[in-house]
PDB file of N, CA and C in Angstrom:
ATOM      1  N   MET A   1      13.201  -7.632 -14.582  1.00  0.00           N
ATOM      2  CA  MET A   1      14.063  -6.137 -15.621  1.00  0.00           C
ATOM      3  C   MET A   1      13.463  -6.295 -16.920  1.00  0.00           C
ATOM      4  N   LYS A   2      13.157  -7.492 -17.412  1.00  0.00           N
ATOM      5  CA  LYS A   2      13.083  -7.694 -18.657  1.00  0.00           C
ATOM      6  C   LYS A   2      12.031  -6.990 -19.306  1.00  0.00           C
ATOM      7  N   ARG A   3      11.068  -7.021 -18.128  1.00  0.00           N
ATOM      8  CA  ARG A   3       9.845  -6.033 -18.549  1.00  0.00           C
ATOM      9  C   ARG A   3      10.381  -4.860 -18.698  1.00  0.00           C
ATOM     10  N   LEU A   4      11.338  -4.023 -18.145  1.00  0.00           N
ATOM     11  CA  LEU A   4      11.723  -2.723 -18.255  1.00  0.00           C
ATOM     12  C   LEU A   4      12.043  -2.290 -19.337  1.00  0.00           C
ATOM     13  N   VAL A   5      13.357  -3.821 -19.720  1.00  0.00           N
ATOM     14  CA  VAL A   5      13.919  -3.357 -20.996  1.00  0.00           C
ATOM     15  C   VAL A   5      12.859  -3.503 -22.621  1.00  0.00           C
ATOM     16  N   ASN A   6      11.781  -4.465 -22.144  1.00  0.00           N
ATOM     17  CA  ASN A   6      11.129  -4.158 -23.435  1.00  0.00           C
ATOM     18  C   ASN A   6      10.333  -2.949 -23.071  1.00  0.00           C
ATOM     19  N   TRP A   7       9.404  -2.282 -21.921  1.00  0.00           N
ATOM     20  CA  TRP A   7       9.337  -1.088 -22.167  1.00  0.00           C
ATOM     21  C   TRP A   7       9.811   0.047 -22.764  1.00  0.00           C
ATOM     22  N   ILE A   8      11.408   0.178 -22.307  1.00  0.00           N
ATOM     23  CA  ILE A   8      11.918   0.916 -22.824  1.00  0.00           C
ATOM     24  C   ILE A   8      12.345   0.892 -24.307  1.00  0.00           C
ATOM     25  N   GLU A   9      12.111  -0.316 -24.841  1.00  0.00           N
ATOM     26  CA  GLU A   9      12.545  -0.228 -26.473  1.00  0.00           C
ATOM     27  C   GLU A   9      11.004   0.144 -26.992  1.00  0.00           C
ATOM     28  N   LYS A  10      10.069  -0.719 -26.423  1.00  0.00           N
ATOM     29  CA  LYS A  10       8.652  -0.023 -26.981  1.00  0.00           C
ATOM     30  C   LYS A  10       8.521   1.522 -26.794  1.00  0.00           C
ATOM     31  N   GLU A  11       8.361   2.076 -25.612  1.00  0.00           N
ATOM     32  CA  GLU A  11       8.577   3.778 -25.735  1.00  0.00           C
ATOM     33  C   GLU A  11       9.474   4.579 -26.177  1.00  0.00           C
ATOM     34  N   PHE A  12      10.672   4.117 -26.224  1.00  0.00           N
ATOM     35  CA  PHE A  12      11.509   5.383 -26.681  1.00  0.00           C
ATOM     36  C   PHE A  12      12.470   4.722 -28.050  1.00  0.00           C
ATOM     37  N   ASN A  13      11.784   3.490 -28.280  1.00  0.00           N
ATOM     38  CA  ASN A  13      12.739   2.828 -29.538  1.00  0.00           C
ATOM     39  C   ASN A  13      14.059   3.080 -29.776  1.00  0.00           C
ATOM     40  N   LEU A  14      14.322   2.402 -28.448  1.00  0.00           N
ATOM     41  CA  LEU A  14      16.013   2.263 -28.026  1.00  0.00           C
ATOM     42  C   LEU A  14      16.237   0.688 -27.240  1.00  0.00           C
ATOM     43  N   LYS A  15      16.908   0.159 -27.983  1.00  0.00           N
ATOM     44  CA  LYS A  15      17.709  -1.357 -27.386  1.00  0.00           C
ATOM     45  C   LYS A  15      18.635  -1.140 -26.681  1.00  0.00           C
ATOM     46  N   CYS A  16      18.361  -1.910 -25.332  1.00  0.00           N
ATOM     47  CA  CYS A  16      19.679  -2.071 -24.528  1.00  0.00           C
ATOM     48  C   CYS A  16      19.324  -3.270 -23.912  1.00  0.00           C
ATOM     49  N   CYS A  17      20.278  -3.719 -22.840  1.00  0.00           N
ATOM     50  CA  CYS A  17      20.285  -4.828 -22.488  1.00  0.00           C
ATOM     51  C   CYS A  17      20.080  -4.784 -20.586  1.00  0.00           C
ATOM     52  N   ARG A  18      19.927  -5.520 -20.044  1.00  0.00           N
ATOM     53  CA  ARG A  18      19.463  -5.695 -18.787  1.00  0.00           C
ATOM     54  C   ARG A  18      20.823  -4.819 -17.942  1.00  0.00           C
ATOM     55  N   GLU A  19      22.029  -5.042 -17.906  1.00  0.00           N
ATOM     56  CA  GLU A  19      22.958  -4.461 -17.362  1.00  0.00           C
ATOM     57  C   GLU A  19      23.119  -3.107 -18.053  1.00  0.00           C
ATOM     58  N   SER A  20      22.756  -2.570 -18.700  1.00  0.00           N
ATOM     59  CA  SER A  20      22.771  -1.161 -19.259  1.00  0.00           C
ATOM     60  C   SER A  20      21.732  -0.279 -18.499  1.00  0.00           C
ATOM     61  N   VAL A  21      20.737  -0.784 -18.204  1.00  0.00           N
ATOM     62  CA  VAL A  21      19.258  -0.620 -17.343  1.00  0.00           C
ATOM     63  C   VAL A  21      19.892  -0.302 -15.815  1.00  0.00           C
ATOM     64  N   ARG A  22      20.421  -1.473 -15.563  1.00  0.00           N
ATOM     65  CA  ARG A  22      20.959  -1.416 -14.345  1.00  0.00           C
ATOM     66  C   ARG A  22      21.899  -0.346 -13.865  1.00  0.00           C
ATOM     67  N   LYS A  23      22.770  -0.470 -14.809  1.00  0.00           N
ATOM     68  CA  LYS A  23      24.061   0.544 -14.418  1.00  0.00           C
ATOM     69  C   LYS A  23      23.778   1.869 -14.746  1.00  0.00           C
ATOM     70  N   THR A  24      22.628   2.032 -15.296  1.00  0.00           N
ATOM     71  CA  THR A  24      21.860   3.666 -15.164  1.00  0.00           C
ATOM     72  C   THR A  24      21.117   3.679 -14.244  1.00  0.00           C
ATOM     73  N   LEU A  25      20.014   2.941 -13.838  1.00  0.00           N
ATOM     74  CA  LEU A  25      20.026   3.596 -12.307  1.00  0.00           C
ATOM     75  C   LEU A  25      20.346   3.526 -11.451  1.00  0.00           C
ATOM     76  N   LYS A  26      21.541   2.608 -11.282  1.00  0.00           N
ATOM     77  CA  LYS A  26      22.817   3.044  -9.885  1.00  0.00           C
ATOM     78  C   LYS A  26      23.373   4.563 -10.289  1.00  0.00           C
ATOM     79  N   ASN A  27      23.384   4.432 -11.272  1.00  0.00           N
ATOM     80  CA  ASN A  27      24.339   5.980 -11.667  1.00  0.00           C
ATOM     81  C   ASN A  27      23.301   7.144 -11.398  1.00  0.00           C
ATOM     82  N   LEU A  28      21.823   7.053 -11.324  1.00  0.00           N
ATOM     83  CA  LEU A  28      20.933   7.601 -10.997  1.00  0.00           C
ATOM     84  C   LEU A  28      20.749   7.772  -9.284  1.00  0.00           C
ATOM     85  N   GLY A  29      21.438   7.086  -8.596  1.00  0.00           N
ATOM     86  CA  GLY A  29      21.313   7.106  -7.240  1.00  0.00           C
ATOM     87  C   GLY A  29      20.461   6.592  -6.421  1.00  0.00           C
ATOM     88  N   LEU A  30      19.891   5.281  -7.465  1.00  0.00           N
ATOM     89  CA  LEU A  30      18.363   4.359  -7.095  1.00  0.00           C
ATOM     90  C   LEU A  30      19.377   2.574  -6.717  1.00  0.00           C
ATOM     91  N   SER A  31      18.726   2.487  -5.690  1.00  0.00           N
ATOM     92  CA  SER A  31      19.271   0.845  -5.219  1.00  0.00           C
ATOM     93  C   SER A  31      18.367  -0.015  -5.379  1.00  0.00           C
ATOM     94  N   TRP A  32      18.580  -1.364  -5.758  1.00  0.00           N
ATOM     95  CA  TRP A  32      17.916  -2.363  -5.678  1.00  0.00           C
ATOM     96  C   TRP A  32      17.336  -2.995  -3.929  1.00  0.00           C
ATOM     97  N   LYS A  33      16.102  -3.019  -3.832  1.00  0.00           N
ATOM     98  CA  LYS A  33      15.614  -2.936  -2.479  1.00  0.00           C
ATOM     99  C   LYS A  33      15.023  -4.037  -2.557  1.00  0.00           C
ATOM    100  N   LYS A  34      14.514  -4.809  -1.378  1.00  0.00           N
ATOM    101  CA  LYS A  34      12.814  -5.405  -0.802  1.00  0.00           C
ATOM    102  C   LYS A  34      12.148  -4.646  -0.402  1.00  0.00           C
ATOM    103  N   ALA A  35      11.007  -4.570  -0.848  1.00  0.00           N
ATOM    104  CA  ALA A  35      10.195  -3.650   0.082  1.00  0.00           C
ATOM    105  C   ALA A  35       9.749  -4.116   1.447  1.00  0.00           C
ATOM    106  N   ARG A  36       9.255  -3.429   2.122  1.00  0.00           N
ATOM    107  CA  ARG A  36       9.153  -3.561   3.292  1.00  0.00           C
ATOM    108  C   ARG A  36       7.419  -3.051   3.969  1.00  0.00           C
ATOM    109  N   LYS A  37       7.293  -4.066   4.664  1.00  0.00           N
ATOM    110  CA  LYS A  37       5.345  -3.371   4.913  1.00  0.00           C
ATOM    111  C   LYS A  37       5.722  -2.211   5.798  1.00  0.00           C
ATOM    112  N   LEU A  38       4.423  -1.377   5.886  1.00  0.00           N
ATOM    113  CA  LEU A  38       4.724   0.238   6.415  1.00  0.00           C
ATOM    114  C   LEU A  38       2.974   0.086   7.110  1.00  0.00           C
ATOM    115  N   LEU A  39       3.258   0.183   8.440  1.00  0.00           N
ATOM    116  CA  LEU A  39       2.094  -0.116   9.180  1.00  0.00           C
ATOM    117  C   LEU A  39       1.715   1.481   9.600  1.00  0.00           C
ATOM    118  N   ASN A  40       0.416   2.100   9.559  1.00  0.00           N
ATOM    119  CA  ASN A  40       0.129   3.077  10.115  1.00  0.00           C
ATOM    120  C   ASN A  40      -0.162   3.345  11.445  1.00  0.00           C
ATOM    121  N   LYS A  41       0.068   4.409  11.949  1.00  0.00           N
ATOM    122  CA  LYS A  41      -0.156   4.698  13.194  1.00  0.00           C
ATOM    123  C   LYS A  41      -1.443   4.883  13.280  1.00  0.00           C
ATOM    124  N   ALA A  42      -2.395   4.604  14.276  1.00  0.00           N
ATOM    125  CA  ALA A  42      -3.962   4.431  14.790  1.00  0.00           C
ATOM    126  C   ALA A  42      -4.040   6.175  15.355  1.00  0.00           C
ATOM    127  N   ASN A  43      -5.244   6.540  14.788  1.00  0.00           N
ATOM    128  CA  ASN A  43      -5.528   8.117  15.127  1.00  0.00           C
ATOM    129  C   ASN A  43      -6.309   8.172  16.178  1.00  0.00           C
ATOM    130  N   SER A  44      -5.862   8.356  17.456  1.00  0.00           N
ATOM    131  CA  SER A  44      -6.814   8.476  18.722  1.00  0.00           C
ATOM    132  C   SER A  44      -8.171   9.150  18.505  1.00  0.00           C
ATOM    133  N   LYS A  45      -7.838  10.369  17.940  1.00  0.00           N
ATOM    134  CA  LYS A  45      -8.959  11.067  17.595  1.00  0.00           C
ATOM    135  C   LYS A  45      -9.978  10.475  16.970  1.00  0.00           C
ATOM    136  N   LYS A  46      -9.715  10.157  15.511  1.00  0.00           N
ATOM    137  CA  LYS A  46     -10.522   9.605  14.549  1.00  0.00           C
ATOM    138  C   LYS A  46     -11.529   8.394  15.312  1.00  0.00           C
ATOM    139  N   ARG A  47     -10.721   7.537  15.957  1.00  0.00           N
ATOM    140  CA  ARG A  47     -10.865   6.460  16.551  1.00  0.00           C
ATOM    141  C   ARG A  47     -12.360   7.008  17.571  1.00  0.00           C
ATOM    142  N   ALA A  48     -12.123   7.583  18.397  1.00  0.00           N
ATOM    143  CA  ALA A  48     -12.975   8.240  19.736  1.00  0.00           C
ATOM    144  C   ALA A  48     -14.122   8.727  18.630  1.00  0.00           C
ATOM    145  N   GLU A  49     -13.995   9.420  17.794  1.00  0.00           N
ATOM    146  CA  GLU A  49     -15.273  10.132  16.776  1.00  0.00           C
ATOM    147  C   GLU A  49     -16.083   8.590  16.383  1.00  0.00           C
ATOM    148  N   PHE A  50     -15.447   7.741  16.218  1.00  0.00           N
ATOM    149  CA  PHE A  50     -15.775   6.214  15.346  1.00  0.00           C
ATOM    150  C   PHE A  50     -16.682   5.763  16.581  1.00  0.00           C
ATOM    151  N   LEU A  51     -15.975   5.629  17.896  1.00  0.00           N
ATOM    152  CA  LEU A  51     -16.798   4.976  18.818  1.00  0.00           C
ATOM    153  C   LEU A  51     -18.287   5.959  19.072  1.00  0.00           C
ATOM    154  N   ALA A  52     -18.111   7.065  19.405  1.00  0.00           N
ATOM    155  CA  ALA A  52     -19.196   8.068  19.635  1.00  0.00           C
ATOM    156  C   ALA A  52     -20.276   7.826  18.717  1.00  0.00           C
ATOM    157  N   THR A  53     -19.830   7.591  17.395  1.00  0.00           N
ATOM    158  CA  THR A  53     -20.911   7.454  16.280  1.00  0.00           C
ATOM    159  C   THR A  53     -21.508   5.996  16.237  1.00  0.00           C
ATOM    160  N   LEU A  54     -20.672   5.077  16.689  1.00  0.00           N
ATOM    161  CA  LEU A  54     -20.966   3.304  16.806  1.00  0.00           C
ATOM    162  C   LEU A  54     -21.994   3.474  17.817  1.00  0.00           C
ATOM    163  N   GLN A  55     -21.407   3.939  19.217  1.00  0.00           N
ATOM    164  CA  GLN A  55     -22.593   4.298  20.192  1.00  0.00           C
ATOM    165  C   GLN A  55     -23.842   4.588  19.972  1.00  0.00           C
ATOM    166  N   SER A  56     -23.802   6.076  19.507  1.00  0.00           N
ATOM    167  CA  SER A  56     -25.482   6.393  18.984  1.00  0.00           C
ATOM    168  C   SER A  56     -25.966   5.265  18.126  1.00  0.00           C
ATOM    169  N   LEU A  57     -25.208   4.893  17.012  1.00  0.00           N
ATOM    170  CA  LEU A  57     -26.160   3.567  16.239  1.00  0.00           C
ATOM    171  C   LEU A  57     -26.420   2.537  17.208  1.00  0.00           C
ATOM    172  N   LEU A  58     -25.577   2.077  18.197  1.00  0.00           N
ATOM    173  CA  LEU A  58     -26.209   1.050  18.782  1.00  0.00           C
ATOM    174  C   LEU A  58     -27.311   1.246  19.878  1.00  0.00           C
ATOM    175  N   ASP A  59     -27.343   2.502  20.310  1.00  0.00           N
ATOM    176  CA  ASP A  59     -28.265   2.939  21.344  1.00  0.00           C
ATOM    177  C   ASP A  59     -29.672   2.898  20.368  1.00  0.00           C
ATOM    178  N   ASP A  60     -29.477   3.567  19.133  1.00  0.00           N
ATOM    179  CA  ASP A  60     -30.770   3.538  18.318  1.00  0.00           C
ATOM    180  C   ASP A  60     -31.519   2.436  17.884  1.00  0.00           C
ATOM    181  N   ALA A  61     -30.460   1.301  17.629  1.00  0.00           N
ATOM    182  CA  ALA A  61     -30.889  -0.062  17.369  1.00  0.00           C
ATOM    183  C   ALA A  61     -31.545  -0.762  18.384  1.00  0.00           C
ATOM    184  N   LEU A  62     -30.559  -0.321  19.625  1.00  0.00           N
ATOM    185  CA  LEU A  62     -31.588  -1.167  20.843  1.00  0.00           C
ATOM    186  C   LEU A  62     -32.686  -0.719  21.311  1.00  0.00           C
ATOM    187  N   HIS A  63     -33.154   0.903  21.285  1.00  0.00           N
ATOM    188  CA  HIS A  63     -34.046   1.239  21.637  1.00  0.00           C
ATOM    189  C   HIS A  63     -35.722   1.046  20.533  1.00  0.00           C
ATOM    190  N   ASN A  64     -35.170   1.243  19.430  1.00  0.00           N
ATOM    191  CA  ASN A  64     -36.026   1.292  18.341  1.00  0.00           C
ATOM    192  C   ASN A  64     -36.167  -0.132  17.873  1.00  0.00           C
ATOM    193  N   GLY A  65     -35.502  -1.136  18.007  1.00  0.00           N
ATOM    194  CA  GLY A  65     -35.839  -2.397  17.682  1.00  0.00           C
ATOM    195  C   GLY A  65     -35.228  -2.793  16.123  1.00  0.00           C
ATOM    196  N   HIS A  66     -33.883  -1.608  15.716  1.00  0.00           N
ATOM    197  CA  HIS A  66     -33.425  -2.262  14.334  1.00  0.00           C
ATOM    198  C   HIS A  66     -32.610  -3.390  14.725  1.00  0.00           C
ATOM    199  N   LEU A  67     -32.489  -3.776  13.733  1.00  0.00           N
ATOM    200  CA  LEU A  67     -31.343  -5.173  13.185  1.00  0.00           C
ATOM    201  C   LEU A  67     -30.309  -4.692  12.944  1.00  0.00           C
ATOM    202  N   LEU A  68     -29.417  -5.177  13.983  1.00  0.00           N
ATOM    203  CA  LEU A  68     -27.863  -4.535  13.424  1.00  0.00           C
ATOM    204  C   LEU A  68     -27.038  -6.205  13.031  1.00  0.00           C
ATOM    205  N   ILE A  69     -26.653  -5.946  11.791  1.00  0.00           N
ATOM    206  CA  ILE A  69     -25.982  -7.414  11.253  1.00  0.00           C
ATOM    207  C   ILE A  69     -24.902  -7.400  11.657  1.00  0.00           C
ATOM    208  N   PHE A  70     -23.523  -6.677  11.448  1.00  0.00           N
ATOM    209  CA  PHE A  70     -22.450  -6.656  11.609  1.00  0.00           C
ATOM    210  C   PHE A  70     -21.677  -5.394  11.759  1.00  0.00           C
ATOM    211  N   ILE A  71     -20.990  -5.326  12.505  1.00  0.00           N
ATOM    212  CA  ILE A  71     -20.119  -4.256  12.790  1.00  0.00           C
ATOM    213  C   ILE A  71     -18.491  -4.750  13.302  1.00  0.00           C
ATOM    214  N   ASP A  72     -17.360  -4.190  12.427  1.00  0.00           N
ATOM    215  CA  ASP A  72     -16.035  -4.584  13.058  1.00  0.00           C
ATOM    216  C   ASP A  72     -15.218  -3.697  12.625  1.00  0.00           C
ATOM    217  N   GLU A  73     -14.321  -3.366  13.751  1.00  0.00           N
ATOM    218  CA  GLU A  73     -13.657  -2.029  13.651  1.00  0.00           C
ATOM    219  C   GLU A  73     -12.228  -2.671  12.947  1.00  0.00           C
ATOM    220  N   ALA A  74     -11.885  -3.773  12.695  1.00  0.00           N
ATOM    221  CA  ALA A  74     -10.533  -4.617  12.396  1.00  0.00           C
ATOM    222  C   ALA A  74     -10.650  -4.175  10.995  1.00  0.00           C
ATOM    223  N   HIS A  75      -9.316  -4.241  10.322  1.00  0.00           N
ATOM    224  CA  HIS A  75      -9.065  -3.645   8.986  1.00  0.00           C
ATOM    225  C   HIS A  75      -8.409  -5.341   8.377  1.00  0.00           C
ATOM    226  N   ILE A  76      -8.959  -5.351   7.284  1.00  0.00           N
ATOM    227  CA  ILE A  76      -8.469  -6.341   6.546  1.00  0.00           C
ATOM    228  C   ILE A  76      -7.308  -6.189   5.581  1.00  0.00           C
ATOM    229  N   HIS A  77      -6.417  -7.032   5.664  1.00  0.00           N
ATOM    230  CA  HIS A  77      -5.007  -6.712   5.078  1.00  0.00           C
ATOM    231  C   HIS A  77      -4.749  -8.368   4.146  1.00  0.00           C
ATOM    232  N   LEU A  78      -4.602  -7.884   3.266  1.00  0.00           N
ATOM    233  CA  LEU A  78      -4.153  -8.770   2.054  1.00  0.00           C
ATOM    234  C   LEU A  78      -2.466  -9.243   2.076  1.00  0.00           C
ATOM    235  N   ASP A  79      -2.103 -10.062   2.942  1.00  0.00           N
ATOM    236  CA  ASP A  79      -0.793 -10.096   3.002  1.00  0.00           C
ATOM    237  C   ASP A  79      -0.093 -10.831   1.773  1.00  0.00           C
ATOM    238  N   THR A  80       0.698  -9.997   1.024  1.00  0.00           N
ATOM    239  CA  THR A  80       1.132 -10.359   0.228  1.00  0.00           C
ATOM    240  C   THR A  80       2.859 -10.391   0.423  1.00  0.00           C
ATOM    241  N   ASP A  81       3.563 -10.985  -0.658  1.00  0.00           N
ATOM    242  CA  ASP A  81       4.796 -10.907  -1.029  1.00  0.00           C
ATOM    243  C   ASP A  81       5.402  -9.582  -1.598  1.00  0.00           C
ATOM    244  N   GLU A  82       6.239  -8.554  -0.901  1.00  0.00           N
ATOM    245  CA  GLU A  82       6.348  -7.380  -1.024  1.00  0.00           C
ATOM    246  C   GLU A  82       7.396  -7.393  -2.241  1.00  0.00           C
ATOM    247  N   GLY A  83       8.186  -8.393  -2.389  1.00  0.00           N
ATOM    248  CA  GLY A  83       9.002  -8.606  -3.606  1.00  0.00           C
ATOM    249  C   GLY A  83      10.370  -7.372  -3.888  1.00  0.00           C
ATOM    250  N   TYR A  84      11.071  -7.347  -4.777  1.00  0.00           N
ATOM    251  CA  TYR A  84      12.189  -6.091  -4.897  1.00  0.00           C
ATOM    252  C   TYR A  84      11.916  -4.951  -5.889  1.00  0.00           C
ATOM    253  N   GLY A  85      12.741  -3.885  -5.726  1.00  0.00           N
ATOM    254  CA  GLY A  85      12.337  -2.970  -6.946  1.00  0.00           C
ATOM    255  C   GLY A  85      13.647  -2.036  -6.653  1.00  0.00           C
ATOM    256  N   TRP A  86      13.332  -1.055  -7.688  1.00  0.00           N
ATOM    257  CA  TRP A  86      14.471   0.150  -7.301  1.00  0.00           C
ATOM    258  C   TRP A  86      13.870   1.292  -6.446  1.00  0.00           C
ATOM    259  N   SER A  87      14.675   1.746  -5.585  1.00  0.00           N
ATOM    260  CA  SER A  87      14.129   2.533  -4.500  1.00  0.00           C
ATOM    261  C   SER A  87      15.378   3.815  -4.648  1.00  0.00           C
ATOM    262  N   ILE A  88      14.398   5.148  -4.243  1.00  0.00           N
ATOM    263  CA  ILE A  88      15.740   6.044  -3.494  1.00  0.00           C
ATOM    264  C   ILE A  88      16.099   5.460  -2.068  1.00  0.00           C
ATOM    265  N   PRO A  89      17.619   5.503  -1.965  1.00  0.00           N
ATOM    266  CA  PRO A  89      18.713   5.260  -0.736  1.00  0.00           C
ATOM    267  C   PRO A  89      17.745   6.490   0.402  1.00  0.00           C
ATOM    268  N   ARG A  90      17.552   5.594   1.475  1.00  0.00           N
ATOM    269  CA  ARG A  90      17.506   6.712   2.671  1.00  0.00           C
ATOM    270  C   ARG A  90      18.578   7.149   3.026  1.00  0.00           C
TER     271      ARG A  90
END
């Protein structure tokens, strides 16, 4: 919250305290919440297209003696702490 107060002072040349900012955000209908992870749903059509392309590449590599180094369908997730922030309530 201190960064927000500092930003308000710098951006608008307005001195205020943390409590004034908190009350203003609450009055605007925002709430202080912990962020949650949101997992995307798999797209079956895109996956099927990917597998068809992959199969073509693998067949080509096998029949033409191409070197296949690495293919991984998994996604990389950087697991971080979501923290808290102001949010529009649902």
